Each structure stands twice: as C-alpha cells, then as structure tokens.
C-alpha cells in the first residue's frame, strides 16, 4: 500500500512551499530535541512556575483581582492578568507574560478592550 500524500492547492496553502525544506529540517530538529527529553522537562517546569506565580499574586495581594484563566499559548507566550482596583476603575489590567522566543518575563499594561486601548 502506498502512503497517502497531502495535496495542497494554491488557494489553501498556508505554508510557503519554498520554506518546506526549512520546515522539514526544523521538524527533524524538534523531534531530536524532544527525544533528548530536556524540552519536556523545562517546558513542564515553566508551566508549573507560571501558575505558582499567579497563586503568589492571589495570596499576597488580596485586594487585586487575578485572572482565573491562564493562557498557555503555542510555545510563543504564556500569560495571566492581575487587576488592582485602581486600574479596574479605568478598565486597565496588568499582564504577566513569559515570551518563549526571547526567554523573558515581561509585565505590560493592557486595556480591557480595543476602545480602552485606543
């Protein structure tokens, strides 16, 4: 039996076919690194740390509203929001964001919606 082939027409192609060689290389690299086990361990640790950090805000800042939902992302970013009362009145919140590519934790001020952001 022949393996099935994925057919991609011009209109449905989300991946630039010129990048297929690069994409295939990166998938192979990703697989190799997963086989070593370090990615899973470090990612698991990070995914445990972010909820821990969120819980520390809940425990140590009882006057702050801390989002119940954490965005774990697609290995691009992981974040949660903290909302002090004085910012809530202005429809603003503080985002704690871990950026995977730059490997840093950033804090940003966000508006609840686009109207507030503008």
N, C-alpha and C. Protein backbone atom coordinates (compact mmCIF):
# COMPACT_ATOMS: atom_id res chain seq x y z
N UNK A 1 0.84 -1.17 0.00
CA UNK A 1 0.00 0.00 0.00
C UNK A 1 0.89 1.24 0.00
N UNK A 2 0.56 2.19 -0.86
CA UNK A 2 1.32 3.42 -0.96
C UNK A 2 0.91 4.37 0.16
N UNK A 3 1.87 5.10 0.71
CA UNK A 3 1.49 6.11 1.72
C UNK A 3 0.67 7.21 1.06
N UNK A 4 -0.30 7.72 1.80
CA UNK A 4 -1.11 8.80 1.25
C UNK A 4 -0.29 10.08 1.21
N UNK A 5 -0.60 10.92 0.25
CA UNK A 5 0.12 12.18 0.10
C UNK A 5 -0.84 13.33 0.36
N UNK A 6 -0.36 14.33 1.01
CA UNK A 6 -1.15 15.52 1.26
C UNK A 6 -1.13 16.38 0.01
N UNK A 7 -2.30 16.70 -0.49
CA UNK A 7 -2.40 17.56 -1.67
C UNK A 7 -2.72 18.97 -1.22
N UNK A 8 -2.00 19.90 -1.73
CA UNK A 8 -2.19 21.29 -1.36
C UNK A 8 -2.46 22.08 -2.63
N UNK A 9 -3.63 22.73 -2.71
CA UNK A 9 -3.85 23.58 -3.87
C UNK A 9 -3.37 25.00 -3.56
N UNK A 10 -3.24 25.82 -4.59
CA UNK A 10 -2.67 27.15 -4.42
C UNK A 10 -3.44 28.02 -3.45
N UNK A 11 -4.77 27.89 -3.45
CA UNK A 11 -5.59 28.75 -2.60
C UNK A 11 -5.55 28.33 -1.14
N UNK A 12 -5.39 27.05 -0.87
CA UNK A 12 -5.46 26.56 0.51
C UNK A 12 -4.10 26.50 1.20
N UNK A 13 -3.03 26.77 0.47
CA UNK A 13 -1.70 26.62 1.04
C UNK A 13 -1.41 27.71 2.06
N UNK A 14 -1.23 27.31 3.31
CA UNK A 14 -0.85 28.24 4.37
C UNK A 14 0.67 28.30 4.51
N UNK A 15 1.34 27.26 4.07
CA UNK A 15 2.78 27.17 4.20
C UNK A 15 3.40 27.53 2.86
N UNK A 16 4.34 28.44 2.89
CA UNK A 16 5.06 28.80 1.68
C UNK A 16 5.90 27.59 1.26
N UNK A 17 5.62 27.07 0.10
CA UNK A 17 6.28 25.83 -0.32
C UNK A 17 7.79 25.99 -0.49
N UNK A 18 8.28 27.20 -0.65
CA UNK A 18 9.72 27.42 -0.73
C UNK A 18 10.37 27.17 0.63
N UNK A 19 9.58 27.27 1.70
CA UNK A 19 10.10 27.05 3.04
C UNK A 19 9.97 25.61 3.50
N UNK A 20 9.47 24.72 2.64
CA UNK A 20 9.23 23.33 3.02
C UNK A 20 10.51 22.66 3.49
N UNK A 21 11.62 22.91 2.80
CA UNK A 21 12.89 22.29 3.19
C UNK A 21 13.29 22.76 4.59
N UNK A 22 13.17 24.03 4.84
CA UNK A 22 13.48 24.59 6.16
C UNK A 22 12.53 24.03 7.22
N UNK A 23 11.25 23.98 6.87
CA UNK A 23 10.24 23.48 7.81
C UNK A 23 10.52 22.02 8.16
N UNK A 24 10.86 21.21 7.15
CA UNK A 24 11.17 19.80 7.37
C UNK A 24 12.40 19.68 8.27
N UNK A 25 13.41 20.50 8.03
CA UNK A 25 14.60 20.49 8.87
C UNK A 25 14.24 20.80 10.32
N UNK A 26 13.45 21.84 10.52
CA UNK A 26 13.09 22.25 11.88
C UNK A 26 12.24 21.19 12.59
N UNK A 27 11.37 20.52 11.85
CA UNK A 27 10.61 19.42 12.46
C UNK A 27 11.54 18.31 12.92
N UNK A 28 12.53 17.98 12.09
CA UNK A 28 13.50 16.96 12.47
C UNK A 28 14.30 17.37 13.70
N UNK A 29 14.68 18.64 13.74
CA UNK A 29 15.41 19.17 14.89
C UNK A 29 14.56 19.12 16.15
N UNK A 30 13.29 19.49 16.00
CA UNK A 30 12.36 19.46 17.14
C UNK A 30 12.21 18.03 17.66
N UNK A 31 12.06 17.08 16.75
CA UNK A 31 11.92 15.67 17.14
C UNK A 31 13.16 15.20 17.89
N UNK A 32 14.34 15.54 17.37
CA UNK A 32 15.59 15.14 18.01
C UNK A 32 15.67 15.70 19.43
N UNK A 33 15.33 16.95 19.58
CA UNK A 33 15.41 17.57 20.91
C UNK A 33 14.36 17.01 21.86
N UNK A 34 13.18 16.68 21.34
CA UNK A 34 12.17 16.03 22.18
C UNK A 34 12.66 14.67 22.66
N UNK A 35 13.33 13.95 21.78
CA UNK A 35 13.86 12.63 22.15
C UNK A 35 14.87 12.72 23.29
N UNK A 36 15.58 13.83 23.38
CA UNK A 36 16.55 14.03 24.47
C UNK A 36 15.85 14.27 25.81
N UNK A 37 14.62 14.77 25.78
CA UNK A 37 13.83 14.95 26.99
C UNK A 37 13.95 16.29 27.69
N UNK A 38 14.93 17.10 27.32
CA UNK A 38 15.13 18.37 28.02
C UNK A 38 13.99 19.36 27.76
N UNK A 39 13.44 19.36 26.56
CA UNK A 39 12.36 20.30 26.24
C UNK A 39 11.15 20.02 27.11
N UNK A 40 10.77 18.75 27.22
CA UNK A 40 9.60 18.42 28.02
C UNK A 40 9.79 18.82 29.48
N UNK A 41 10.96 18.55 30.03
CA UNK A 41 11.23 18.86 31.43
C UNK A 41 11.23 20.37 31.68
N UNK A 42 11.88 21.12 30.82
CA UNK A 42 11.94 22.56 31.03
C UNK A 42 10.57 23.20 30.78
N UNK A 43 9.85 22.74 29.77
CA UNK A 43 8.52 23.29 29.49
C UNK A 43 7.56 22.97 30.64
N UNK A 44 7.63 21.75 31.14
CA UNK A 44 6.78 21.35 32.29
C UNK A 44 7.09 22.24 33.49
N UNK A 45 8.37 22.49 33.74
CA UNK A 45 8.75 23.35 34.86
C UNK A 45 8.22 24.77 34.70
N UNK A 46 8.32 25.29 33.49
CA UNK A 46 7.80 26.62 33.21
C UNK A 46 6.28 26.67 33.39
N UNK A 47 5.60 25.63 32.92
CA UNK A 47 4.14 25.59 33.03
C UNK A 47 3.69 25.38 34.47
N UNK A 48 4.57 24.92 35.34
CA UNK A 48 4.28 24.85 36.77
C UNK A 48 4.61 26.17 37.46
N UNK A 49 5.64 26.86 36.98
CA UNK A 49 6.04 28.12 37.59
C UNK A 49 5.02 29.24 37.37
N UNK A 50 4.48 29.34 36.17
CA UNK A 50 3.54 30.43 35.88
C UNK A 50 2.30 30.36 36.76
N UNK A 51 1.65 29.21 36.95
CA UNK A 51 0.53 29.16 37.90
C UNK A 51 0.97 29.45 39.34
N UNK A 52 2.20 29.03 39.69
CA UNK A 52 2.73 29.34 41.02
C UNK A 52 2.83 30.86 41.20
N UNK A 53 3.36 31.53 40.20
CA UNK A 53 3.47 32.99 40.24
C UNK A 53 2.09 33.63 40.37
N UNK A 54 1.14 33.14 39.59
CA UNK A 54 -0.24 33.63 39.66
C UNK A 54 -0.82 33.43 41.06
N UNK A 55 -0.59 32.27 41.65
CA UNK A 55 -1.08 31.98 43.00
C UNK A 55 -0.44 32.88 44.04
N UNK A 56 0.83 33.26 43.84
CA UNK A 56 1.50 34.17 44.76
C UNK A 56 0.84 35.55 44.75
N UNK A 57 0.40 35.99 43.57
CA UNK A 57 -0.35 37.24 43.50
C UNK A 57 -1.67 37.10 44.27
N UNK A 58 -2.34 35.99 44.11
CA UNK A 58 -3.61 35.79 44.80
C UNK A 58 -3.42 35.80 46.31
N UNK A 59 -2.38 35.15 46.81
CA UNK A 59 -2.12 35.06 48.25
C UNK A 59 -1.63 36.38 48.84
N UNK A 60 -0.70 37.03 48.15
CA UNK A 60 -0.02 38.20 48.71
C UNK A 60 -0.64 39.54 48.35
N UNK A 61 -1.57 39.54 47.42
CA UNK A 61 -2.23 40.78 47.01
C UNK A 61 -3.75 40.57 47.02
N UNK A 62 -4.34 40.41 48.20
CA UNK A 62 -5.76 40.08 48.27
C UNK A 62 -6.68 41.16 47.69
N UNK A 63 -6.20 42.38 47.58
CA UNK A 63 -7.01 43.45 47.00
C UNK A 63 -6.99 43.44 45.48
N UNK A 64 -6.12 42.63 44.90
CA UNK A 64 -6.02 42.54 43.44
C UNK A 64 -6.91 41.41 42.93
N UNK A 65 -7.51 41.64 41.79
CA UNK A 65 -8.22 40.57 41.11
C UNK A 65 -7.19 39.87 40.21
N UNK A 66 -7.13 38.56 40.31
CA UNK A 66 -6.19 37.79 39.50
C UNK A 66 -7.02 36.89 38.59
N UNK A 67 -6.70 36.92 37.30
CA UNK A 67 -7.49 36.15 36.35
C UNK A 67 -7.48 34.67 36.70
N UNK A 68 -8.63 34.05 36.56
CA UNK A 68 -8.75 32.62 36.82
C UNK A 68 -8.25 31.79 35.65
N UNK A 69 -8.09 32.44 34.53
CA UNK A 69 -7.66 31.74 33.32
C UNK A 69 -6.22 32.11 33.01
N UNK A 70 -5.45 31.10 32.68
CA UNK A 70 -4.08 31.34 32.25
C UNK A 70 -3.98 30.89 30.80
N UNK A 71 -3.38 31.74 29.98
CA UNK A 71 -3.16 31.40 28.58
C UNK A 71 -1.81 30.73 28.48
N UNK A 72 -1.80 29.46 28.07
CA UNK A 72 -0.55 28.72 27.98
C UNK A 72 0.10 28.84 26.60
N UNK A 73 -0.64 29.28 25.61
CA UNK A 73 -0.09 29.58 24.30
C UNK A 73 0.37 28.38 23.51
N UNK A 74 1.02 28.66 22.41
CA UNK A 74 1.55 27.67 21.49
C UNK A 74 3.07 27.74 21.49
N UNK A 75 3.64 27.78 22.66
CA UNK A 75 5.08 27.96 22.84
C UNK A 75 5.55 29.30 22.28
N UNK A 76 4.63 30.25 22.21
CA UNK A 76 5.01 31.62 21.85
C UNK A 76 4.99 32.48 23.10
N UNK A 77 3.91 32.37 23.88
CA UNK A 77 3.83 33.11 25.13
C UNK A 77 2.89 32.40 26.10
N UNK A 78 3.08 32.69 27.37
CA UNK A 78 2.24 32.18 28.45
C UNK A 78 1.94 33.38 29.33
N UNK A 79 0.66 33.59 29.67
CA UNK A 79 0.35 34.81 30.42
C UNK A 79 -0.89 34.68 31.30
N UNK A 80 -1.00 35.63 32.24
CA UNK A 80 -2.18 35.81 33.07
C UNK A 80 -2.27 37.30 33.41
N UNK A 81 -3.45 37.70 33.92
CA UNK A 81 -3.65 39.12 34.23
C UNK A 81 -3.86 39.33 35.72
N UNK A 82 -3.41 40.48 36.19
CA UNK A 82 -3.60 40.94 37.56
C UNK A 82 -4.26 42.31 37.45
N UNK A 83 -5.32 42.51 38.27
CA UNK A 83 -6.07 43.76 38.13
C UNK A 83 -6.24 44.44 39.49
N UNK A 84 -5.38 45.40 39.81
CA UNK A 84 -5.57 46.19 41.03
C UNK A 84 -6.83 47.05 40.90
N UNK A 85 -7.48 47.33 42.01
CA UNK A 85 -8.73 48.09 41.99
C UNK A 85 -8.63 49.42 41.26
N UNK A 86 -7.55 50.17 41.49
CA UNK A 86 -7.43 51.49 40.87
C UNK A 86 -7.31 51.39 39.34
N UNK A 87 -6.80 50.25 38.84
CA UNK A 87 -6.75 50.06 37.39
C UNK A 87 -8.07 49.55 36.84
N UNK A 88 -8.76 48.74 37.64
CA UNK A 88 -10.06 48.20 37.21
C UNK A 88 -11.04 49.33 36.93
N UNK A 89 -11.01 50.37 37.76
CA UNK A 89 -11.88 51.54 37.56
C UNK A 89 -11.63 52.19 36.20
N UNK A 90 -10.41 52.09 35.73
CA UNK A 90 -10.02 52.70 34.44
C UNK A 90 -10.05 51.68 33.29
N UNK A 91 -10.57 50.48 33.59
CA UNK A 91 -10.68 49.38 32.62
C UNK A 91 -9.31 48.98 32.07
N UNK A 92 -8.34 48.92 33.00
CA UNK A 92 -6.98 48.50 32.66
C UNK A 92 -6.59 47.29 33.48
N UNK A 93 -5.60 46.54 33.01
CA UNK A 93 -5.10 45.38 33.74
C UNK A 93 -3.61 45.22 33.46
N UNK A 94 -2.95 44.50 34.34
CA UNK A 94 -1.53 44.23 34.19
C UNK A 94 -1.38 42.79 33.70
N UNK A 95 -0.64 42.60 32.62
CA UNK A 95 -0.40 41.26 32.10
C UNK A 95 1.01 40.82 32.46
N UNK A 96 1.11 39.63 33.00
CA UNK A 96 2.39 38.98 33.27
C UNK A 96 2.58 38.00 32.11
N UNK A 97 3.59 38.24 31.28
CA UNK A 97 3.75 37.47 30.04
C UNK A 97 5.15 36.89 29.96
N UNK A 98 5.22 35.57 29.80
CA UNK A 98 6.50 34.93 29.51
C UNK A 98 6.58 34.74 28.01
N UNK A 99 7.61 35.33 27.38
CA UNK A 99 7.82 35.20 25.95
C UNK A 99 8.87 34.11 25.70
N UNK A 100 8.44 33.04 25.07
CA UNK A 100 9.30 31.87 24.91
C UNK A 100 10.52 32.15 24.03
N UNK A 101 10.34 32.83 22.92
CA UNK A 101 11.45 33.03 21.98
C UNK A 101 12.56 33.88 22.59
N UNK A 102 12.19 34.96 23.26
CA UNK A 102 13.21 35.81 23.89
C UNK A 102 13.54 35.35 25.30
N UNK A 103 12.80 34.36 25.79
CA UNK A 103 13.01 33.75 27.10
C UNK A 103 13.06 34.79 28.21
N UNK A 104 11.99 35.61 28.26
CA UNK A 104 11.94 36.63 29.30
C UNK A 104 10.51 36.81 29.80
N UNK A 105 10.40 37.28 31.02
CA UNK A 105 9.12 37.58 31.64
C UNK A 105 8.91 39.08 31.55
N UNK A 106 7.80 39.49 30.96
CA UNK A 106 7.51 40.91 30.80
C UNK A 106 6.20 41.24 31.50
N UNK A 107 6.09 42.49 31.89
CA UNK A 107 4.88 43.00 32.52
C UNK A 107 4.38 44.14 31.64
N UNK A 108 3.09 44.11 31.32
CA UNK A 108 2.54 45.14 30.46
C UNK A 108 1.19 45.63 30.95
N UNK A 109 0.86 46.84 30.60
CA UNK A 109 -0.42 47.44 30.94
C UNK A 109 -1.34 47.29 29.73
N UNK A 110 -2.51 46.71 29.95
CA UNK A 110 -3.45 46.44 28.87
C UNK A 110 -4.79 47.09 29.14
N UNK A 111 -5.50 47.43 28.06
CA UNK A 111 -6.88 47.86 28.16
C UNK A 111 -7.80 46.67 28.03
N UNK A 112 -8.98 46.73 28.67
CA UNK A 112 -9.94 45.63 28.61
C UNK A 112 -10.38 45.33 27.19
N UNK A 113 -10.49 46.35 26.37
CA UNK A 113 -10.95 46.17 25.00
C UNK A 113 -10.28 47.20 24.10
N UNK A 114 -10.55 47.10 22.82
CA UNK A 114 -9.89 47.98 21.85
C UNK A 114 -10.23 49.46 22.09
N UNK A 115 -11.46 49.75 22.50
CA UNK A 115 -11.86 51.13 22.74
C UNK A 115 -11.01 51.74 23.86
N UNK A 116 -10.77 51.00 24.92
CA UNK A 116 -9.95 51.49 26.02
C UNK A 116 -8.49 51.61 25.57
N UNK A 117 -8.03 50.68 24.76
CA UNK A 117 -6.64 50.69 24.29
C UNK A 117 -6.36 51.92 23.43
N UNK A 118 -7.34 52.33 22.63
CA UNK A 118 -7.15 53.50 21.77
C UNK A 118 -7.16 54.74 22.61
